[in-house]
Amino acid sequence: MRILVQRVTQASVSVNNREIGRIGRGFLLLVGMGEEDVADGGAALAPMADKVLGLRVMSDAEGKMNLSLRDVGGEILAISQFTLHADCRRGRRPSFSRAAAGPIASELFDKFINILRQSGLRVETGEFGAMMQVSLINDGPVTIWLDSNEVIAK
């Protein structure tokens, strides 16, 4: 599982020129499920959600990154993005063979979203498999890369 976390002051997602999700201060998450997530039955979902919710990258009163999304009551816009599993080692056209297949990835993504929602924070999503237009105002900018193979002790 791979997640690109972007701290934002606002973000939105549209499909066919219709806005389907919008948040204020919080995180835009680009989330990619990989074949390893299928193999382990989604074991990384809860630890990765906990990592996202606990990341201390929100500013405190002195402007220092000391607070988590939970601490500030931030919001989440999560977008499924299989292209995070692109393999560009050979040639110029990326291979996506390491990305989880659509139906399974959709199920895992939904489970991940449900875990995030259990935090009580507002969580918006895009539309799985759709062509989406994502807009954001990156705050900082702060952008963090999380890969379950590197973040979770196995």
C-alpha atoms as a PDB file:
ATOM      1  CA  MET A   1       0.000   0.000   0.000  1.00  0.00           C
ATOM      2  CA  ARG A   2       1.318   3.390  -0.942  1.00  0.00           C
ATOM      3  CA  ILE A   3      -0.008   6.753   0.189  1.00  0.00           C
ATOM      4  CA  LEU A   4       1.087  10.204  -0.846  1.00  0.00           C
ATOM      5  CA  VAL A   5       0.001  12.573   1.928  1.00  0.00           C
ATOM      6  CA  GLN A   6      -0.314  16.252   1.085  1.00  0.00           C
ATOM      7  CA  ARG A   7      -1.118  18.772   3.811  1.00  0.00           C
ATOM      8  CA  VAL A   8      -3.682  21.161   2.348  1.00  0.00           C
ATOM      9  CA  THR A   9      -5.657  24.240   3.262  1.00  0.00           C
ATOM     10  CA  GLN A  10      -8.337  22.958   0.884  1.00  0.00           C
ATOM     11  CA  ALA A  11      -8.845  20.278  -1.756  1.00  0.00           C
ATOM     12  CA  SER A  12     -11.610  19.085  -4.039  1.00  0.00           C
ATOM     13  CA  VAL A  13     -12.323  16.374  -6.579  1.00  0.00           C
ATOM     14  CA  SER A  14     -14.596  16.498  -9.625  1.00  0.00           C
ATOM     15  CA  VAL A  15     -15.866  13.898 -12.083  1.00  0.00           C
ATOM     16  CA  ASN A  16     -17.404  15.031 -15.393  1.00  0.00           C
ATOM     17  CA  ASN A  17     -17.200  18.681 -14.257  1.00  0.00           C
ATOM     18  CA  ARG A  18     -19.268  17.893 -11.133  1.00  0.00           C
ATOM     19  CA  GLU A  19     -17.656  18.339  -7.731  1.00  0.00           C
ATOM     20  CA  ILE A  20     -18.090  15.180  -5.669  1.00  0.00           C
ATOM     21  CA  GLY A  21     -15.839  15.940  -2.699  1.00  0.00           C
ATOM     22  CA  ARG A  22     -14.338  18.954  -0.938  1.00  0.00           C
ATOM     23  CA  ILE A  23     -12.413  19.506   2.281  1.00  0.00           C
ATOM     24  CA  GLY A  24     -10.846  22.376   4.163  1.00  0.00           C
ATOM     25  CA  ARG A  25      -7.713  22.089   6.310  1.00  0.00           C
ATOM     26  CA  GLY A  26      -6.344  18.571   6.379  1.00  0.00           C
ATOM     27  CA  PHE A  27      -4.842  15.915   4.125  1.00  0.00           C
ATOM     28  CA  LEU A  28      -5.263  15.013   0.501  1.00  0.00           C
ATOM     29  CA  LEU A  29      -4.383  11.312   0.297  1.00  0.00           C
ATOM     30  CA  LEU A  30      -3.481   9.620  -2.969  1.00  0.00           C
ATOM     31  CA  VAL A  31      -3.875   5.923  -2.142  1.00  0.00           C
ATOM     32  CA  GLY A  32      -2.569   2.994  -4.185  1.00  0.00           C
ATOM     33  CA  MET A  33      -3.284  -0.635  -3.357  1.00  0.00           C
ATOM     34  CA  GLY A  34      -0.686  -3.132  -4.511  1.00  0.00           C
ATOM     35  CA  GLU A  35      -0.575  -6.834  -5.118  1.00  0.00           C
ATOM     36  CA  GLU A  36       1.016  -7.275  -1.659  1.00  0.00           C
ATOM     37  CA  ASP A  37      -2.162  -5.861  -0.095  1.00  0.00           C
ATOM     38  CA  VAL A  38      -4.192  -8.556  -1.820  1.00  0.00           C
ATOM     39  CA  ALA A  39      -1.723 -11.265  -0.738  1.00  0.00           C
ATOM     40  CA  ASP A  40      -1.834 -10.268   2.944  1.00  0.00           C
ATOM     41  CA  GLY A  41      -5.596  -9.701   3.021  1.00  0.00           C
ATOM     42  CA  GLY A  42      -5.318  -5.981   3.721  1.00  0.00           C
ATOM     43  CA  ALA A  43      -3.266  -6.369   6.894  1.00  0.00           C
ATOM     44  CA  ALA A  44      -1.648  -2.954   6.289  1.00  0.00           C
ATOM     45  CA  LEU A  45      -4.930  -1.011   6.141  1.00  0.00           C
ATOM     46  CA  ALA A  46      -5.371  -0.306   9.866  1.00  0.00           C
ATOM     47  CA  PRO A  47      -1.694   0.426  10.613  1.00  0.00           C
ATOM     48  CA  MET A  48      -1.478   2.763   7.615  1.00  0.00           C
ATOM     49  CA  ALA A  49      -4.676   4.563   8.638  1.00  0.00           C
ATOM     50  CA  ASP A  50      -3.258   4.969  12.151  1.00  0.00           C
ATOM     51  CA  LYS A  51      -0.010   6.324  10.687  1.00  0.00           C
ATOM     52  CA  VAL A  52      -1.885   8.885   8.568  1.00  0.00           C
ATOM     53  CA  LEU A  53      -4.094   9.995  11.457  1.00  0.00           C
ATOM     54  CA  GLY A  54      -1.128  10.275  13.819  1.00  0.00           C
ATOM     55  CA  LEU A  55       1.378  12.029  11.548  1.00  0.00           C
ATOM     56  CA  ARG A  56       2.554  15.111  13.441  1.00  0.00           C
ATOM     57  CA  VAL A  57       2.778  17.497  10.507  1.00  0.00           C
ATOM     58  CA  MET A  58       0.066  20.004  11.392  1.00  0.00           C
ATOM     59  CA  SER A  59       1.248  23.339  12.765  1.00  0.00           C
ATOM     60  CA  ASP A  60       0.929  24.262  16.417  1.00  0.00           C
ATOM     61  CA  ALA A  61       0.495  27.809  17.787  1.00  0.00           C
ATOM     62  CA  GLU A  62       4.185  28.545  17.125  1.00  0.00           C
ATOM     63  CA  GLY A  63       4.017  27.266  13.547  1.00  0.00           C
ATOM     64  CA  LYS A  64       5.964  24.079  14.310  1.00  0.00           C
ATOM     65  CA  MET A  65       4.859  20.706  12.937  1.00  0.00           C
ATOM     66  CA  ASN A  66       3.844  19.147  16.263  1.00  0.00           C
ATOM     67  CA  LEU A  67       0.186  18.248  15.878  1.00  0.00           C
ATOM     68  CA  SER A  68      -1.639  15.390  14.187  1.00  0.00           C
ATOM     69  CA  LEU A  69      -4.748  15.528  12.056  1.00  0.00           C
ATOM     70  CA  ARG A  70      -6.632  14.145  15.066  1.00  0.00           C
ATOM     71  CA  ASP A  71      -5.297  16.982  17.259  1.00  0.00           C
ATOM     72  CA  VAL A  72      -6.587  19.703  14.935  1.00  0.00           C
ATOM     73  CA  GLY A  73      -9.814  18.020  13.812  1.00  0.00           C
ATOM     74  CA  GLY A  74      -8.645  18.103  10.216  1.00  0.00           C
ATOM     75  CA  GLU A  75     -10.385  16.631   7.201  1.00  0.00           C
ATOM     76  CA  ILE A  76      -9.354  14.020   4.635  1.00  0.00           C
ATOM     77  CA  LEU A  77      -9.916  13.775   0.897  1.00  0.00           C
ATOM     78  CA  ALA A  78      -8.809  10.309  -0.242  1.00  0.00           C
ATOM     79  CA  ILE A  79      -8.338   9.496  -3.913  1.00  0.00           C
ATOM     80  CA  SER A  80      -7.641   5.987  -5.164  1.00  0.00           C
ATOM     81  CA  GLN A  81      -4.618   6.060  -7.449  1.00  0.00           C
ATOM     82  CA  PHE A  82      -3.229   2.824  -8.895  1.00  0.00           C
ATOM     83  CA  THR A  83      -0.497   4.774 -10.694  1.00  0.00           C
ATOM     84  CA  LEU A  84       1.413   5.010  -7.399  1.00  0.00           C
ATOM     85  CA  HIS A  85       2.511   1.443  -8.183  1.00  0.00           C
ATOM     86  CA  ALA A  86       4.026   2.382 -11.546  1.00  0.00           C
ATOM     87  CA  ASP A  87       7.200   0.520 -12.395  1.00  0.00           C
ATOM     88  CA  CYS A  88       9.373   2.774 -14.569  1.00  0.00           C
ATOM     89  CA  ARG A  89      12.583   0.745 -14.490  1.00  0.00           C
ATOM     90  CA  ARG A  90      12.342  -0.370 -18.113  1.00  0.00           C
ATOM     91  CA  GLY A  91      11.556   1.788 -21.088  1.00  0.00           C
ATOM     92  CA  ARG A  92       9.418   4.906 -21.029  1.00  0.00           C
ATOM     93  CA  ARG A  93       5.977   3.404 -20.602  1.00  0.00           C
ATOM     94  CA  PRO A  94       5.218   2.533 -16.961  1.00  0.00           C
ATOM     95  CA  SER A  95       4.017  -0.926 -16.044  1.00  0.00           C
ATOM     96  CA  PHE A  96       1.196  -1.157 -13.509  1.00  0.00           C
ATOM     97  CA  SER A  97       1.409  -4.916 -12.972  1.00  0.00           C
ATOM     98  CA  ARG A  98       2.185  -4.418  -9.255  1.00  0.00           C
ATOM     99  CA  ALA A  99      -1.080  -2.539  -8.673  1.00  0.00           C
ATOM    100  CA  ALA A 100      -3.969  -4.527  -7.230  1.00  0.00           C
ATOM    101  CA  ALA A 101      -6.685  -5.489  -9.723  1.00  0.00           C
ATOM    102  CA  GLY A 102      -9.648  -3.085  -9.853  1.00  0.00           C
ATOM    103  CA  PRO A 103     -12.361  -5.005  -7.966  1.00  0.00           C
ATOM    104  CA  ILE A 104     -10.026  -6.074  -5.154  1.00  0.00           C
ATOM    105  CA  ALA A 105      -8.382  -2.635  -4.971  1.00  0.00           C
ATOM    106  CA  SER A 106     -11.823  -1.031  -4.713  1.00  0.00           C
ATOM    107  CA  GLU A 107     -12.774  -3.302  -1.824  1.00  0.00           C
ATOM    108  CA  LEU A 108      -9.494  -2.612   0.003  1.00  0.00           C
ATOM    109  CA  PHE A 109      -9.825   1.135  -0.604  1.00  0.00           C
ATOM    110  CA  ASP A 110     -13.367   1.095   0.845  1.00  0.00           C
ATOM    111  CA  LYS A 111     -12.132  -0.771   3.927  1.00  0.00           C
ATOM    112  CA  PHE A 112      -9.342   1.779   4.357  1.00  0.00           C
ATOM    113  CA  ILE A 113     -11.847   4.649   4.112  1.00  0.00           C
ATOM    114  CA  ASN A 114     -14.089   3.003   6.706  1.00  0.00           C
ATOM    115  CA  ILE A 115     -11.136   2.716   9.098  1.00  0.00           C
ATOM    116  CA  LEU A 116     -10.339   6.414   8.603  1.00  0.00           C
ATOM    117  CA  ARG A 117     -13.994   7.343   9.213  1.00  0.00           C
ATOM    118  CA  GLN A 118     -13.941   5.510  12.546  1.00  0.00           C
ATOM    119  CA  SER A 119     -11.654   8.311  13.758  1.00  0.00           C
ATOM    120  CA  GLY A 120     -14.638  10.664  13.698  1.00  0.00           C
ATOM    121  CA  LEU A 121     -12.922  12.985  11.233  1.00  0.00           C
ATOM    122  CA  ARG A 122     -14.658  14.045   8.035  1.00  0.00           C
ATOM    123  CA  VAL A 123     -13.494  11.853   5.137  1.00  0.00           C
ATOM    124  CA  GLU A 124     -14.423  12.560   1.511  1.00  0.00           C
ATOM    125  CA  THR A 125     -13.457  10.446  -1.489  1.00  0.00           C
ATOM    126  CA  GLY A 126     -13.266  10.535  -5.229  1.00  0.00           C
ATOM    127  CA  GLU A 127     -14.961   7.963  -7.447  1.00  0.00           C
ATOM    128  CA  PHE A 128     -13.059   4.704  -7.796  1.00  0.00           C
ATOM    129  CA  GLY A 129     -11.978   4.048 -11.391  1.00  0.00           C
ATOM    130  CA  ALA A 130     -13.254   7.370 -12.733  1.00  0.00           C
ATOM    131  CA  MET A 131     -11.261  10.049 -14.510  1.00  0.00           C
ATOM    132  CA  MET A 132     -11.022  12.694 -11.810  1.00  0.00           C
ATOM    133  CA  GLN A 133      -9.814  16.265 -11.616  1.00  0.00           C
ATOM    134  CA  VAL A 134      -8.227  16.986  -8.247  1.00  0.00           C
ATOM    135  CA  SER A 135      -7.551  20.523  -7.049  1.00  0.00           C
ATOM    136  CA  LEU A 136      -5.605  21.449  -3.953  1.00  0.00           C
ATOM    137  CA  ILE A 137      -3.812  24.200  -2.177  1.00  0.00           C
ATOM    138  CA  ASN A 138      -0.758  22.496  -0.724  1.00  0.00           C
ATOM    139  CA  ASP A 139       0.044  23.919   2.705  1.00  0.00           C
ATOM    140  CA  GLY A 140       3.755  24.406   3.305  1.00  0.00           C
ATOM    141  CA  PRO A 141       4.163  22.559   1.024  1.00  0.00           C
ATOM    142  CA  VAL A 142       4.199  19.422   3.144  1.00  0.00           C
ATOM    143  CA  THR A 143       4.189  16.154   1.197  1.00  0.00           C
ATOM    144  CA  ILE A 144       4.922  12.788   2.832  1.00  0.00           C
ATOM    145  CA  TRP A 145       5.416   9.413   1.105  1.00  0.00           C
ATOM    146  CA  LEU A 146       4.207   6.321   2.983  1.00  0.00           C
ATOM    147  CA  ASP A 147       4.836   2.795   1.751  1.00  0.00           C
ATOM    148  CA  SER A 148       3.525  -0.037   3.932  1.00  0.00           C
ATOM    149  CA  ASN A 149       6.649  -2.073   3.120  1.00  0.00           C
ATOM    150  CA  GLU A 150       8.753   0.647   4.765  1.00  0.00           C
ATOM    151  CA  VAL A 151       6.409   2.012   7.437  1.00  0.00           C
ATOM    152  CA  ILE A 152       5.071  -1.167   9.044  1.00  0.00           C
ATOM    153  CA  ALA A 153       7.393  -3.575  10.843  1.00  0.00           C
ATOM    154  CA  LYS A 154       6.880  -7.056   9.460  1.00  0.00           C
END
